[in-house]
N, C-alpha and C. Protein backbone atom coordinates (compact mmCIF):
# COMPACT_ATOMS: atom_id res chain seq x y z
N UNK A 1 189.73 182.18 164.60
CA UNK A 1 188.77 181.64 163.75
C UNK A 1 189.51 181.48 162.30
N UNK A 2 189.19 180.38 161.73
CA UNK A 2 189.67 180.13 160.26
C UNK A 2 188.52 180.10 159.39
N UNK A 3 188.69 180.39 158.05
CA UNK A 3 187.78 180.19 156.95
C UNK A 3 188.45 179.85 155.69
N UNK A 4 187.63 179.39 154.77
CA UNK A 4 188.15 179.04 153.45
C UNK A 4 188.20 180.18 152.59
N UNK A 5 189.46 180.57 152.20
CA UNK A 5 189.60 181.89 151.50
C UNK A 5 190.83 181.76 150.54
N UNK A 6 190.56 182.38 149.20
CA UNK A 6 191.59 182.34 148.23
C UNK A 6 192.51 183.55 148.34
N UNK A 7 192.28 184.49 149.35
CA UNK A 7 193.07 185.58 149.57
C UNK A 7 192.27 186.90 149.18
N UNK A 8 193.08 187.94 149.00
CA UNK A 8 192.54 189.30 148.84
C UNK A 8 193.19 189.81 147.38
N UNK A 9 192.44 190.37 146.63
CA UNK A 9 193.05 191.02 145.34
C UNK A 9 192.25 192.28 145.06
N UNK A 10 192.93 193.31 144.40
CA UNK A 10 192.31 194.47 144.07
C UNK A 10 191.35 194.37 142.94
N UNK A 11 190.27 195.05 143.02
CA UNK A 11 189.25 195.04 141.87
C UNK A 11 188.89 196.55 141.62
N UNK A 12 188.72 196.87 140.37
CA UNK A 12 188.28 198.20 140.00
C UNK A 12 186.89 198.19 139.35
N UNK A 13 185.91 198.83 140.08
CA UNK A 13 184.63 198.94 139.52
C UNK A 13 184.30 200.41 139.31
N UNK A 14 184.15 200.69 138.04
CA UNK A 14 184.05 202.16 137.60
C UNK A 14 185.27 202.89 137.93
N UNK A 15 185.18 203.93 138.68
CA UNK A 15 186.44 204.66 139.08
C UNK A 15 186.76 204.34 140.49
N UNK A 16 186.22 203.32 141.16
CA UNK A 16 186.44 202.97 142.47
C UNK A 16 187.32 201.70 142.58
N UNK A 17 188.31 201.82 143.49
CA UNK A 17 189.22 200.58 143.75
C UNK A 17 188.63 199.88 145.05
N UNK A 18 188.38 198.58 145.01
CA UNK A 18 187.93 197.79 146.04
C UNK A 18 189.12 196.75 146.39
N UNK A 19 189.03 196.23 147.54
CA UNK A 19 189.78 194.98 147.87
C UNK A 19 188.76 193.93 148.04
N UNK A 20 189.06 192.88 147.25
CA UNK A 20 188.04 191.73 147.11
C UNK A 20 188.53 190.60 147.97
N UNK A 21 187.69 190.09 148.89
CA UNK A 21 188.06 188.91 149.66
C UNK A 21 187.21 187.69 149.04
N UNK A 22 188.07 186.86 148.47
CA UNK A 22 187.55 185.70 147.75
C UNK A 22 187.25 184.43 148.68
N UNK A 23 186.05 184.26 149.03
CA UNK A 23 185.53 183.06 149.80
C UNK A 23 185.52 181.79 148.84
N UNK A 24 185.83 180.69 149.50
CA UNK A 24 185.79 179.42 148.85
C UNK A 24 184.62 178.68 149.11
N UNK A 25 184.16 177.81 148.26
CA UNK A 25 182.97 177.01 148.55
C UNK A 25 181.71 177.56 147.87
N UNK A 26 181.07 176.78 147.03
CA UNK A 26 179.87 177.18 146.33
C UNK A 26 178.89 176.04 146.29
N UNK A 27 177.63 176.37 146.34
CA UNK A 27 176.51 175.33 146.32
C UNK A 27 175.89 175.30 144.87
N UNK A 28 176.55 175.99 143.92
CA UNK A 28 176.28 175.91 142.52
C UNK A 28 177.44 175.32 141.75
N UNK A 29 177.24 174.77 140.65
CA UNK A 29 178.28 174.22 139.75
C UNK A 29 177.93 174.79 138.44
N UNK A 30 177.87 176.00 138.25
CA UNK A 30 177.48 176.59 136.86
C UNK A 30 178.44 176.18 135.75
N UNK A 31 177.89 175.85 134.64
CA UNK A 31 178.70 175.22 133.59
C UNK A 31 179.75 176.19 133.11
N UNK A 32 179.42 177.56 133.13
CA UNK A 32 180.32 178.46 132.57
C UNK A 32 181.27 179.14 133.65
N UNK A 33 181.15 178.64 134.81
CA UNK A 33 182.01 179.34 135.81
C UNK A 33 183.56 179.18 135.53
N UNK A 34 184.14 180.36 135.75
CA UNK A 34 185.68 180.27 135.61
C UNK A 34 186.52 180.29 136.83
N UNK A 35 185.73 180.23 137.93
CA UNK A 35 186.42 180.15 139.24
C UNK A 35 186.33 178.76 139.92
N UNK A 36 186.55 177.77 139.05
CA UNK A 36 186.26 176.41 139.48
C UNK A 36 187.38 175.97 140.48
N UNK A 37 188.53 176.68 140.67
CA UNK A 37 189.47 176.28 141.72
C UNK A 37 189.08 176.65 143.18
N UNK A 38 188.06 177.32 143.24
CA UNK A 38 187.58 177.91 144.55
C UNK A 38 186.26 177.31 144.90
N UNK A 39 185.65 176.44 144.11
CA UNK A 39 184.33 175.93 144.29
C UNK A 39 184.24 175.04 145.53
N UNK A 40 185.36 174.41 145.98
CA UNK A 40 185.30 173.47 147.03
C UNK A 40 185.98 174.05 148.39
N UNK A 41 185.62 173.41 149.40
CA UNK A 41 186.24 173.77 150.73
C UNK A 41 187.51 172.97 150.88
N UNK A 42 188.67 173.39 150.39
CA UNK A 42 189.95 172.69 150.42
C UNK A 42 190.75 173.16 151.54
N UNK A 43 191.34 172.15 152.29
CA UNK A 43 192.09 172.49 153.52
C UNK A 43 193.17 173.46 153.16
N UNK A 44 193.90 173.31 152.00
CA UNK A 44 194.96 174.41 151.68
C UNK A 44 194.51 175.75 151.54
N UNK A 45 193.08 175.97 151.59
CA UNK A 45 192.57 177.33 151.42
C UNK A 45 192.18 177.91 152.87
N UNK A 46 192.51 177.08 153.97
CA UNK A 46 192.06 177.66 155.23
C UNK A 46 192.98 178.72 155.72
N UNK A 47 192.33 179.76 156.11
CA UNK A 47 193.04 181.08 156.36
C UNK A 47 192.57 181.65 157.69
N UNK A 48 193.44 182.20 158.40
CA UNK A 48 193.01 182.87 159.67
C UNK A 48 192.43 184.20 159.37
N UNK A 49 191.29 184.50 159.94
CA UNK A 49 190.56 185.62 159.79
C UNK A 49 191.39 186.91 160.21
N UNK A 50 192.15 186.66 161.28
CA UNK A 50 193.09 187.76 161.67
C UNK A 50 194.09 188.25 160.64
N UNK A 51 194.50 187.28 159.75
CA UNK A 51 195.50 187.64 158.77
C UNK A 51 194.82 188.54 157.63
N UNK A 52 193.50 188.26 157.35
CA UNK A 52 192.74 189.08 156.42
C UNK A 52 192.56 190.45 156.95
N UNK A 53 192.31 190.55 158.23
CA UNK A 53 192.09 191.88 158.82
C UNK A 53 193.39 192.72 158.85
N UNK A 54 194.42 192.00 159.05
CA UNK A 54 195.83 192.68 159.04
C UNK A 54 196.03 193.26 157.60
N UNK A 55 195.62 192.42 156.55
CA UNK A 55 195.78 192.87 155.16
C UNK A 55 194.99 194.11 154.83
N UNK A 56 193.69 194.14 155.35
CA UNK A 56 192.91 195.19 155.14
C UNK A 56 193.43 196.49 155.75
N UNK A 57 193.99 196.31 156.96
CA UNK A 57 194.60 197.54 157.67
C UNK A 57 195.92 197.96 156.91
N UNK A 58 196.65 196.97 156.51
CA UNK A 58 197.88 197.27 155.86
C UNK A 58 197.65 198.10 154.60
N UNK A 59 196.65 197.70 153.80
CA UNK A 59 196.42 198.44 152.53
C UNK A 59 195.39 199.54 152.64
N UNK A 60 195.02 199.91 153.94
CA UNK A 60 194.23 201.03 154.24
C UNK A 60 192.92 201.03 153.45
N UNK A 61 192.29 199.87 153.46
CA UNK A 61 191.03 199.66 152.75
C UNK A 61 189.87 200.54 153.17
N UNK A 62 189.23 201.03 152.19
CA UNK A 62 188.08 201.82 152.46
C UNK A 62 186.75 201.30 151.77
N UNK A 63 187.03 200.36 150.88
CA UNK A 63 185.90 199.55 150.22
C UNK A 63 186.25 198.18 150.02
N UNK A 64 185.43 197.22 150.45
CA UNK A 64 185.71 195.80 150.39
C UNK A 64 184.48 195.11 149.78
N UNK A 65 184.91 194.15 148.91
CA UNK A 65 183.98 193.21 148.25
C UNK A 65 184.11 191.84 148.85
N UNK A 66 182.92 191.24 149.23
CA UNK A 66 182.80 189.95 149.77
C UNK A 66 182.31 189.02 148.57
N UNK A 67 183.23 188.22 147.93
CA UNK A 67 182.79 187.51 146.80
C UNK A 67 183.43 186.16 146.78
N UNK A 68 183.40 185.38 145.75
CA UNK A 68 183.96 184.16 145.62
C UNK A 68 183.63 183.32 144.43
N UNK A 69 183.49 182.35 144.85
CA UNK A 69 182.39 181.23 144.96
C UNK A 69 181.27 181.99 145.72
N UNK A 70 180.85 181.41 146.92
CA UNK A 70 179.66 181.98 147.60
C UNK A 70 179.99 182.24 149.15
N UNK A 71 180.13 183.57 149.51
CA UNK A 71 180.49 184.04 150.79
C UNK A 71 179.44 183.68 151.87
N UNK A 72 178.18 183.60 151.43
CA UNK A 72 176.98 183.26 152.44
C UNK A 72 177.04 181.89 152.97
N UNK A 73 177.90 180.96 152.43
CA UNK A 73 178.00 179.63 152.90
C UNK A 73 178.86 179.59 154.22
N UNK A 74 179.64 180.63 154.34
CA UNK A 74 180.54 180.73 155.62
C UNK A 74 179.97 181.93 156.41
N UNK A 75 178.82 181.80 156.99
CA UNK A 75 178.13 182.87 157.74
C UNK A 75 178.98 183.52 158.72
N UNK A 76 179.43 182.65 159.61
CA UNK A 76 180.26 183.32 160.77
C UNK A 76 181.46 184.09 160.38
N UNK A 77 182.19 183.58 159.49
CA UNK A 77 183.37 184.27 158.93
C UNK A 77 182.90 185.66 158.22
N UNK A 78 181.88 185.52 157.41
CA UNK A 78 181.40 186.75 156.73
C UNK A 78 180.93 187.73 157.70
N UNK A 79 180.12 187.30 158.69
CA UNK A 79 179.65 188.28 159.70
C UNK A 79 180.93 188.98 160.47
N UNK A 80 181.88 188.16 160.92
CA UNK A 80 182.96 188.63 161.57
C UNK A 80 183.76 189.60 160.85
N UNK A 81 184.03 189.36 159.58
CA UNK A 81 184.69 190.37 158.75
C UNK A 81 183.84 191.63 158.39
N UNK A 82 182.65 191.44 158.20
CA UNK A 82 181.81 192.53 157.87
C UNK A 82 181.66 193.43 159.17
N UNK A 83 181.51 192.95 160.40
CA UNK A 83 181.63 193.70 161.55
C UNK A 83 182.94 194.56 161.72
N UNK A 84 184.02 193.83 161.39
CA UNK A 84 185.20 194.50 161.46
C UNK A 84 185.31 195.74 160.43
N UNK A 85 184.80 195.47 159.27
CA UNK A 85 184.72 196.58 158.28
C UNK A 85 183.84 197.71 158.73
N UNK A 86 182.59 197.40 159.40
CA UNK A 86 181.75 198.36 159.89
C UNK A 86 182.40 199.25 160.95
N UNK A 87 183.21 198.55 161.82
CA UNK A 87 183.82 199.31 162.92
C UNK A 87 184.90 200.30 162.38
N UNK A 88 185.53 200.00 161.15
CA UNK A 88 186.47 200.70 160.53
C UNK A 88 185.88 201.67 159.53
N UNK A 89 184.59 201.91 159.47
CA UNK A 89 183.97 202.70 158.38
C UNK A 89 184.39 202.27 157.02
N UNK A 90 184.48 200.96 156.78
CA UNK A 90 184.92 200.46 155.49
C UNK A 90 183.59 200.12 154.70
N UNK A 91 183.38 200.65 153.54
CA UNK A 91 182.17 200.34 152.71
C UNK A 91 182.33 198.89 152.26
N UNK A 92 181.05 198.24 152.29
CA UNK A 92 181.01 196.78 151.91
C UNK A 92 180.00 196.46 150.84
N UNK A 93 180.51 195.61 149.90
CA UNK A 93 179.67 195.07 148.78
C UNK A 93 179.75 193.54 148.90
N UNK A 94 178.55 193.01 148.80
CA UNK A 94 178.41 191.45 148.92
C UNK A 94 177.87 190.96 147.50
N UNK A 95 178.61 189.93 146.97
CA UNK A 95 178.22 189.28 145.76
C UNK A 95 177.66 187.98 146.30
N UNK A 96 176.40 187.57 145.81
CA UNK A 96 175.85 186.34 146.24
C UNK A 96 174.93 185.85 145.18
N UNK A 97 174.73 184.39 145.22
CA UNK A 97 173.76 183.81 144.25
C UNK A 97 172.34 183.84 144.90
N UNK A 98 172.26 184.17 146.13
CA UNK A 98 171.00 184.50 146.93
C UNK A 98 170.34 183.25 147.45
N UNK A 99 171.08 182.11 147.31
CA UNK A 99 170.38 180.84 147.85
C UNK A 99 170.46 180.66 149.24
N UNK A 100 171.05 181.54 150.03
CA UNK A 100 171.19 181.44 151.45
C UNK A 100 170.63 182.62 152.15
N UNK A 101 169.25 182.66 152.11
CA UNK A 101 168.57 183.69 152.76
C UNK A 101 168.86 183.90 154.32
N UNK A 102 168.98 182.95 155.04
CA UNK A 102 169.17 183.06 156.44
C UNK A 102 170.53 183.84 156.65
N UNK A 103 171.60 183.49 155.94
CA UNK A 103 172.85 184.16 156.17
C UNK A 103 172.74 185.62 155.73
N UNK A 104 172.01 185.78 154.63
CA UNK A 104 171.79 187.26 154.17
C UNK A 104 171.03 188.13 155.18
N UNK A 105 169.98 187.37 155.85
CA UNK A 105 169.21 188.12 156.78
C UNK A 105 170.03 188.47 157.96
N UNK A 106 171.01 187.69 158.25
CA UNK A 106 171.86 187.95 159.36
C UNK A 106 172.74 189.19 159.08
N UNK A 107 173.18 189.26 157.80
CA UNK A 107 173.95 190.50 157.49
C UNK A 107 173.11 191.79 157.42
N UNK A 108 171.88 191.61 156.97
CA UNK A 108 171.01 192.76 156.76
C UNK A 108 170.52 193.24 158.17
N UNK A 109 170.25 192.34 159.14
CA UNK A 109 169.71 192.70 160.37
C UNK A 109 170.65 193.51 161.19
N UNK A 110 171.93 193.35 160.94
CA UNK A 110 173.02 194.09 161.61
C UNK A 110 173.47 195.26 160.84
N UNK A 111 172.78 195.53 159.71
CA UNK A 111 173.20 196.67 158.89
C UNK A 111 174.67 196.74 158.57
N UNK A 112 175.17 195.41 158.04
CA UNK A 112 176.57 195.35 157.80
C UNK A 112 177.04 195.46 156.31
N UNK A 113 176.07 195.70 155.43
CA UNK A 113 176.31 195.74 154.05
C UNK A 113 175.78 197.03 153.33
N UNK A 114 176.69 197.62 152.42
CA UNK A 114 176.15 198.93 151.76
C UNK A 114 175.53 198.52 150.49
N UNK A 115 175.85 197.47 149.78
CA UNK A 115 175.24 197.05 148.53
C UNK A 115 175.29 195.51 148.34
N UNK A 116 174.20 195.07 147.76
CA UNK A 116 174.26 193.64 147.48
C UNK A 116 174.10 193.30 145.95
N UNK A 117 174.97 192.56 145.35
CA UNK A 117 174.94 192.17 144.04
C UNK A 117 174.37 190.74 143.88
N UNK A 118 173.30 190.48 143.29
CA UNK A 118 172.70 189.18 143.05
C UNK A 118 173.11 188.69 141.64
N UNK A 119 173.68 187.48 141.61
CA UNK A 119 174.03 186.87 140.39
C UNK A 119 172.83 185.94 140.01
N UNK A 120 171.84 186.41 139.24
CA UNK A 120 170.64 185.65 138.91
C UNK A 120 171.11 184.86 137.64
N UNK A 121 171.16 183.58 137.68
CA UNK A 121 171.83 182.77 136.61
C UNK A 121 170.81 182.45 135.33
N UNK A 122 169.48 182.40 135.80
CA UNK A 122 168.64 181.92 134.80
C UNK A 122 167.15 182.30 135.24
N UNK A 123 166.21 182.11 134.32
CA UNK A 123 164.80 182.16 134.81
C UNK A 123 164.48 181.08 135.84
N UNK A 124 163.53 181.41 136.72
CA UNK A 124 163.12 180.54 137.76
C UNK A 124 162.23 179.37 137.19
N UNK A 125 162.73 178.48 136.33
CA UNK A 125 161.98 177.51 135.74
C UNK A 125 162.94 176.29 135.49
N UNK A 126 162.51 175.43 134.56
CA UNK A 126 163.29 174.17 134.29
C UNK A 126 164.64 174.46 133.74
N UNK A 127 164.99 175.59 133.38
CA UNK A 127 166.31 175.91 132.91
C UNK A 127 167.33 176.05 134.09
N UNK A 128 166.83 176.33 135.13
CA UNK A 128 167.69 176.78 136.39
C UNK A 128 168.69 175.72 136.81
N UNK A 129 168.29 174.45 136.85
CA UNK A 129 169.20 173.42 137.19
C UNK A 129 170.21 173.07 136.11
N UNK A 130 169.66 173.17 134.84
CA UNK A 130 170.54 172.99 133.79
C UNK A 130 171.75 173.96 133.78
N UNK A 131 171.46 175.24 134.18
CA UNK A 131 172.57 176.19 134.20
C UNK A 131 173.43 176.15 135.34
N UNK A 132 172.79 175.90 136.60
CA UNK A 132 173.48 175.92 137.95
C UNK A 132 174.07 174.65 138.36
N UNK A 133 173.30 173.50 138.03
CA UNK A 133 173.61 172.16 138.52
C UNK A 133 173.65 172.20 139.99
N UNK A 134 172.82 172.89 140.67
CA UNK A 134 172.73 173.06 142.10
C UNK A 134 171.89 172.05 142.87
N UNK A 135 170.94 171.29 142.10
CA UNK A 135 170.17 170.40 142.74
C UNK A 135 170.94 169.13 143.20
N UNK A 136 170.58 168.76 144.42
CA UNK A 136 171.22 167.60 145.03
C UNK A 136 170.23 166.65 145.66
N UNK A 137 170.60 165.61 146.15
CA UNK A 137 169.74 164.70 146.85
C UNK A 137 168.96 165.37 148.06
N UNK A 138 169.64 166.39 148.61
CA UNK A 138 169.03 166.98 149.80
C UNK A 138 168.35 168.37 149.50
N UNK A 139 168.51 168.88 148.26
CA UNK A 139 167.82 170.15 147.94
C UNK A 139 167.45 170.07 146.47
N UNK A 140 166.07 170.39 146.13
CA UNK A 140 165.64 170.32 144.80
C UNK A 140 165.64 171.80 144.24
N UNK A 141 165.49 171.96 143.11
CA UNK A 141 165.77 173.27 142.36
C UNK A 141 164.56 174.14 142.79
N UNK A 142 163.34 173.71 143.06
CA UNK A 142 162.24 174.41 143.54
C UNK A 142 162.52 175.19 144.75
N UNK A 143 162.99 174.33 145.77
CA UNK A 143 163.46 175.07 146.99
C UNK A 143 164.52 176.11 146.91
N UNK A 144 165.52 175.71 146.06
CA UNK A 144 166.67 176.75 145.78
C UNK A 144 166.06 178.09 145.30
N UNK A 145 165.09 177.87 144.25
CA UNK A 145 164.72 179.13 143.61
C UNK A 145 163.80 179.93 144.60
N UNK A 146 163.07 179.13 145.50
CA UNK A 146 162.30 179.88 146.51
C UNK A 146 163.15 180.72 147.46
N UNK A 147 164.37 180.07 147.80
CA UNK A 147 165.35 180.80 148.66
C UNK A 147 165.76 182.00 147.90
N UNK A 148 166.10 181.96 146.73
CA UNK A 148 166.65 183.20 145.99
C UNK A 148 165.62 184.34 145.93
N UNK A 149 164.32 183.89 145.67
CA UNK A 149 163.29 184.95 145.66
C UNK A 149 163.08 185.52 147.10
N UNK A 150 163.31 184.61 148.16
CA UNK A 150 163.22 185.16 149.53
C UNK A 150 164.29 186.17 149.81
N UNK A 151 165.51 185.84 149.29
CA UNK A 151 166.64 186.83 149.47
C UNK A 151 166.40 188.10 148.80
N UNK A 152 165.84 188.06 147.49
CA UNK A 152 165.49 189.32 146.84
C UNK A 152 164.66 190.13 147.60
N UNK A 153 163.53 189.48 148.23
CA UNK A 153 162.54 190.27 149.01
C UNK A 153 163.17 190.83 150.23
N UNK A 154 164.03 190.15 150.93
CA UNK A 154 164.72 190.51 152.07
C UNK A 154 165.46 191.85 151.83
N UNK A 155 166.26 191.97 150.75
CA UNK A 155 166.93 193.10 150.43
C UNK A 155 165.97 194.23 149.89
N UNK A 156 165.04 193.87 149.19
CA UNK A 156 164.09 194.91 148.79
C UNK A 156 163.43 195.57 149.94
N UNK A 157 163.14 194.81 151.00
CA UNK A 157 162.41 195.47 152.16
C UNK A 157 163.44 196.20 153.08
N UNK A 158 164.69 195.76 153.01
CA UNK A 158 165.69 196.43 153.77
C UNK A 158 166.12 197.84 153.35
N UNK A 159 165.77 198.17 152.12
CA UNK A 159 166.13 199.42 151.54
C UNK A 159 167.58 199.55 151.24
N UNK A 160 168.43 198.48 151.40
CA UNK A 160 169.76 198.42 151.03
C UNK A 160 169.88 198.45 149.44
N UNK A 161 170.85 199.26 149.00
CA UNK A 161 171.14 199.40 147.57
C UNK A 161 171.43 197.92 147.11
N UNK A 162 170.85 197.56 145.87
CA UNK A 162 171.20 196.18 145.29
C UNK A 162 171.13 196.19 143.72
N UNK A 163 171.75 195.26 143.21
CA UNK A 163 171.78 195.14 141.74
C UNK A 163 171.60 193.73 141.42
N UNK A 164 171.01 193.45 140.30
CA UNK A 164 170.86 191.94 139.79
C UNK A 164 171.69 191.94 138.55
N UNK A 165 172.50 190.91 138.44
CA UNK A 165 173.41 190.62 137.31
C UNK A 165 173.04 189.38 136.73
N UNK A 166 173.05 189.35 135.36
CA UNK A 166 172.82 188.13 134.72
C UNK A 166 173.87 188.00 133.49
N UNK A 167 174.50 186.84 133.51
CA UNK A 167 175.51 186.59 132.37
C UNK A 167 174.88 185.93 131.29
N UNK A 168 175.02 186.44 130.02
CA UNK A 168 174.51 185.83 128.84
C UNK A 168 175.48 184.95 128.25
N UNK A 169 175.09 183.66 128.13
CA UNK A 169 176.00 182.53 127.96
C UNK A 169 175.61 181.80 126.60
N UNK A 170 176.37 181.84 125.61
CA UNK A 170 176.19 181.22 124.28
C UNK A 170 175.69 179.72 124.58
N UNK A 171 174.72 179.30 123.86
CA UNK A 171 174.33 177.84 123.88
C UNK A 171 173.70 177.47 125.19
N UNK A 172 173.36 178.39 126.05
CA UNK A 172 172.90 177.99 127.36
C UNK A 172 171.91 179.00 127.92
N UNK A 173 172.27 180.28 128.00
CA UNK A 173 171.40 181.27 128.65
C UNK A 173 171.45 182.53 127.75
N UNK A 174 170.75 182.48 126.59
CA UNK A 174 170.79 183.61 125.70
C UNK A 174 169.56 183.95 124.84
N UNK A 175 168.62 182.99 124.94
CA UNK A 175 167.39 183.15 124.08
C UNK A 175 166.47 184.28 124.67
N UNK A 176 165.85 184.86 123.76
CA UNK A 176 164.92 186.00 124.06
C UNK A 176 163.91 185.61 125.25
N UNK A 177 163.28 184.46 125.01
CA UNK A 177 162.38 184.04 126.07
C UNK A 177 162.92 183.84 127.49
N UNK A 178 164.17 183.41 127.46
CA UNK A 178 164.75 183.17 128.79
C UNK A 178 165.08 184.62 129.44
N UNK A 179 165.61 185.45 128.64
CA UNK A 179 165.88 186.91 129.20
C UNK A 179 164.63 187.56 129.61
N UNK A 180 163.71 187.37 128.82
CA UNK A 180 162.41 188.11 129.12
C UNK A 180 161.79 187.65 130.48
N UNK A 181 161.95 186.26 130.86
CA UNK A 181 161.41 185.81 132.08
C UNK A 181 162.13 186.41 133.22
N UNK A 182 163.34 186.64 132.99
CA UNK A 182 164.20 187.20 134.09
C UNK A 182 163.78 188.75 134.20
N UNK A 183 163.60 189.29 133.06
CA UNK A 183 163.13 190.69 133.03
C UNK A 183 161.93 190.93 133.91
N UNK A 184 160.86 189.92 133.75
CA UNK A 184 159.74 190.01 134.46
C UNK A 184 159.91 189.97 135.92
N UNK A 185 160.75 189.17 136.37
CA UNK A 185 161.18 189.12 137.82
C UNK A 185 161.88 190.46 138.33
N UNK A 186 162.81 190.88 137.44
CA UNK A 186 163.52 192.11 137.84
C UNK A 186 162.51 193.36 137.85
N UNK A 187 161.52 193.33 136.99
CA UNK A 187 160.52 194.45 137.05
C UNK A 187 159.84 194.69 138.32
N UNK A 188 159.81 193.64 139.07
CA UNK A 188 159.17 193.62 140.41
C UNK A 188 160.11 194.14 141.56
N UNK A 189 161.39 194.41 141.07
CA UNK A 189 162.41 194.78 142.17
C UNK A 189 162.58 196.29 142.06
N UNK A 190 163.31 196.82 143.08
CA UNK A 190 163.67 198.20 143.02
C UNK A 190 165.02 198.39 142.82
N UNK A 191 165.62 197.89 141.67
CA UNK A 191 167.14 197.85 141.46
C UNK A 191 167.32 197.86 139.99
N UNK A 192 168.70 198.13 139.72
CA UNK A 192 169.09 198.07 138.24
C UNK A 192 169.46 196.63 137.82
N UNK A 193 169.55 196.37 136.67
CA UNK A 193 169.88 195.04 136.23
C UNK A 193 171.01 195.02 135.05
N UNK A 194 171.93 194.30 135.37
CA UNK A 194 173.16 194.23 134.49
C UNK A 194 173.12 193.03 133.74
N UNK A 195 173.24 193.22 132.47
CA UNK A 195 173.47 191.98 131.45
C UNK A 195 174.87 192.01 131.13
N UNK A 196 175.54 190.93 131.48
CA UNK A 196 176.99 190.81 131.27
C UNK A 196 177.42 189.68 130.19
N UNK A 197 178.60 189.90 129.70
CA UNK A 197 179.06 188.98 128.74
C UNK A 197 179.66 187.79 129.38
N UNK A 198 179.50 186.60 128.81
CA UNK A 198 180.16 185.41 129.25
C UNK A 198 181.77 185.62 129.06
N UNK A 199 182.42 185.13 130.00
CA UNK A 199 183.96 185.21 130.00
C UNK A 199 184.58 183.81 129.70
N UNK A 200 185.10 183.59 128.56
CA UNK A 200 185.61 182.22 128.28
C UNK A 200 186.90 181.96 129.09
N UNK A 201 187.19 180.76 129.46
CA UNK A 201 188.32 180.36 130.33
C UNK A 201 188.35 178.91 130.74
N UNK A 202 188.98 178.60 131.91
CA UNK A 202 188.82 177.22 132.35
C UNK A 202 187.55 177.06 133.10
N UNK A 203 186.56 176.83 132.32
CA UNK A 203 185.20 176.62 132.84
C UNK A 203 185.06 175.29 133.52
N UNK A 204 183.96 175.14 134.44
CA UNK A 204 183.70 173.91 135.03
C UNK A 204 183.33 172.93 134.02
N UNK A 205 182.44 173.21 133.09
CA UNK A 205 182.05 172.40 131.98
C UNK A 205 183.06 172.73 130.82
N UNK A 206 183.85 171.63 130.45
CA UNK A 206 184.79 171.96 129.36
C UNK A 206 184.25 172.24 128.08
N UNK A 207 183.02 172.06 127.81
CA UNK A 207 182.38 172.37 126.54
C UNK A 207 182.22 173.90 126.43
N UNK A 208 182.39 174.65 127.46
CA UNK A 208 182.35 176.03 127.31
C UNK A 208 183.62 176.77 127.30
N UNK A 209 184.70 175.95 127.46
CA UNK A 209 186.03 176.65 127.42
C UNK A 209 186.40 177.37 126.28
N UNK A 210 186.05 176.83 125.05
CA UNK A 210 186.41 177.45 123.73
C UNK A 210 185.36 178.25 123.09
N UNK A 211 184.29 178.53 123.94
CA UNK A 211 183.20 179.32 123.20
C UNK A 211 183.45 180.77 123.25
N UNK A 212 183.18 181.45 122.27
CA UNK A 212 183.33 182.77 122.07
C UNK A 212 182.16 183.50 122.68
N UNK A 213 182.29 184.67 123.32
CA UNK A 213 181.08 185.42 123.89
C UNK A 213 180.27 185.98 122.72
N UNK A 214 179.00 186.20 122.98
CA UNK A 214 178.15 186.86 121.95
C UNK A 214 178.52 188.27 121.89
N UNK A 215 178.17 188.83 120.63
CA UNK A 215 178.64 190.31 120.39
C UNK A 215 177.90 191.29 121.22
N UNK A 216 178.54 192.39 121.32
CA UNK A 216 177.97 193.54 122.03
C UNK A 216 176.57 194.02 121.47
N UNK A 217 176.63 193.84 120.21
CA UNK A 217 175.33 194.10 119.56
C UNK A 217 174.23 193.27 119.85
N UNK A 218 174.54 191.95 120.01
CA UNK A 218 173.57 191.07 120.48
C UNK A 218 173.07 191.40 121.86
N UNK A 219 173.94 191.73 122.75
CA UNK A 219 173.49 192.26 124.10
C UNK A 219 172.64 193.40 124.06
N UNK A 220 173.13 194.40 123.25
CA UNK A 220 172.26 195.60 123.12
C UNK A 220 170.86 195.26 122.56
N UNK A 221 170.74 194.40 121.77
CA UNK A 221 169.40 194.01 121.23
C UNK A 221 168.55 193.31 122.26
N UNK A 222 169.17 192.46 123.17
CA UNK A 222 168.47 192.00 124.21
C UNK A 222 167.90 193.05 125.19
N UNK A 223 168.79 194.01 125.42
CA UNK A 223 168.32 195.13 126.35
C UNK A 223 167.06 195.84 125.74
N UNK A 224 167.24 196.07 124.33
CA UNK A 224 166.11 196.80 123.71
C UNK A 224 164.84 195.96 123.80
N UNK A 225 164.86 194.78 123.62
CA UNK A 225 163.75 193.78 123.66
C UNK A 225 163.04 193.88 125.11
N UNK A 226 163.98 193.82 126.07
CA UNK A 226 163.53 193.85 127.50
C UNK A 226 162.88 195.11 127.81
N UNK A 227 163.44 196.22 127.41
CA UNK A 227 162.94 197.62 127.74
C UNK A 227 161.54 197.76 127.06
N UNK A 228 161.42 197.32 125.78
CA UNK A 228 160.19 197.33 125.09
C UNK A 228 159.00 196.71 125.78
N UNK A 229 159.38 195.56 126.38
CA UNK A 229 158.38 194.74 127.18
C UNK A 229 158.14 195.36 128.54
N UNK A 230 159.19 195.86 129.19
CA UNK A 230 159.06 196.36 130.48
C UNK A 230 159.79 197.74 130.55
N UNK A 231 159.11 198.86 130.11
CA UNK A 231 159.70 200.04 129.98
C UNK A 231 160.35 200.69 131.34
N UNK A 232 159.78 200.20 132.48
CA UNK A 232 160.29 200.64 133.67
C UNK A 232 161.67 200.13 134.15
N UNK A 233 162.28 199.14 133.33
CA UNK A 233 163.45 198.57 133.68
C UNK A 233 164.60 199.54 133.56
N UNK A 234 165.57 199.42 134.61
CA UNK A 234 166.81 200.17 134.43
C UNK A 234 167.90 199.18 134.13
N UNK A 235 168.13 198.94 132.84
CA UNK A 235 169.19 198.05 132.44
C UNK A 235 170.59 198.77 132.24
N UNK A 236 171.61 198.26 132.92
CA UNK A 236 172.95 198.85 132.79
C UNK A 236 173.92 197.94 132.05
């Protein structure tokens, strides 16, 4: 079996070292995304799954991240590699935009993942498509947002550990009312919420290439505002 993959790279999260498998292909085109080279299913990224498994064995992996672009768009490859990890007692972490609940349900039903990180881009309102540019002739924003909510509920019911992550983007996703609407959604979940800085770089929308991230103090202020409105929130 082959799948679209950019390879494996080491990633440090806290004090833990993971090997990250970068899946290619994404159904979003977020304006501030700095992984634009892996957003499409390019033939030169076709990789044999056996070669990835050999790499995991070679480096004696004990923790693996499935990330990318969007791993859930390649369901069979994702399941195949996760089953391999489970058989090897390798801890697994899945990063997803949540727009593919059927694929996520397959992962959860086989108990293949130890933690899920949802990248929630914006409130579930008219801002969503402006941020993600995910709406197409075949899928409208309302359906995509419903799918994300379905994914959140699936993980919540599964009791698998999960985290919601939101990137604060200057000139796009930074206003207090935007963040509070996401806070309202997060308050109904049983997970932590991470507010992250925008990372400048070769973004999909060139207008965001030279924009500086907002200050740490600005992020701290947003956190305080959200906790004041929703005291039960666990913001990291």
